[in-house]
Amino acid sequence: MVAAHPDDEVLGCGGTLARHVEAGDTVTVMFLTDGVGARGEGLQSAQRARAAAARSALSILGIGEPVFGTLPDNQIDTVPLLRVAQAVEAVAHGHPPDIVYTHHLGDLNVDHRLAHQAVLTAFRPQPVRARPIILAFETASSTEWQSPSAGLAFMPNWFEAIEAQLPRKLEALAAYAEEMRPWPHARSLVAVEHLARWRGATMGTPAAEAFMLIRRIA
């Protein structure tokens, strides 16, 4: 999976990633940025803390060491898209994926939008190249904050039931305590659970994560 910042992976598809681990699948998580570089003060300390939180969160989900990219936090739009796509390609080269999870194109956060475009660029459907299923997830406090637009709307058509994995998703998010906010913020543990319950209820299951299918070549 390709996420712009550490914590996006758990917010968007933490339960689904845990399901993959339980099924015996190999899961690789790539972060394009450190998630804190735009904040300025105490940068090195903040970087270490965020990386430690990421490792802890992924460990809770059963996932090993992530790939930490070096693109500028909340400034990926200052980097040529080719460079971003090449970073994704470099990670995928040795381990061609069957499924790639990434951000929704319509998110408010610019890094999220560029992550989506980079994934589509890196996995252009060409002969003798990896042609994985590409799924876009929603990220609480970004997807729903974009301007209303039919073209940018998150319209899920793929759901993963995560009732058994929801407690671990919430535990993993708690590892990112400094990034979480108190209820009723959209990026609170209560809101994340409500969203999972609602996505589940729309599909007749106690909890789910929702995705938009971007590409599937059968």
Foldseek 3Di string as FASTA:
>chain_A
DEEQEQPQCLLWQLLVLLVCVVVVHADAYEHADLQCQVVPPPVVVSSVLSLVLSQVLVVLSVHHHYHYHHAHHLVNVVPPLVVVLVVVLVVCVVPPDQEDEAAQCLWQRPSRNSRVVSVCVNQPPDPPGRNHWYKHTYGFPTLVPGDDDPVRHFDFDDKDARPVRLVSSLVSSVSVVVPADDPPGRRHSVNSLVQQCVVQVVVVHRGITTIHGPDDDD
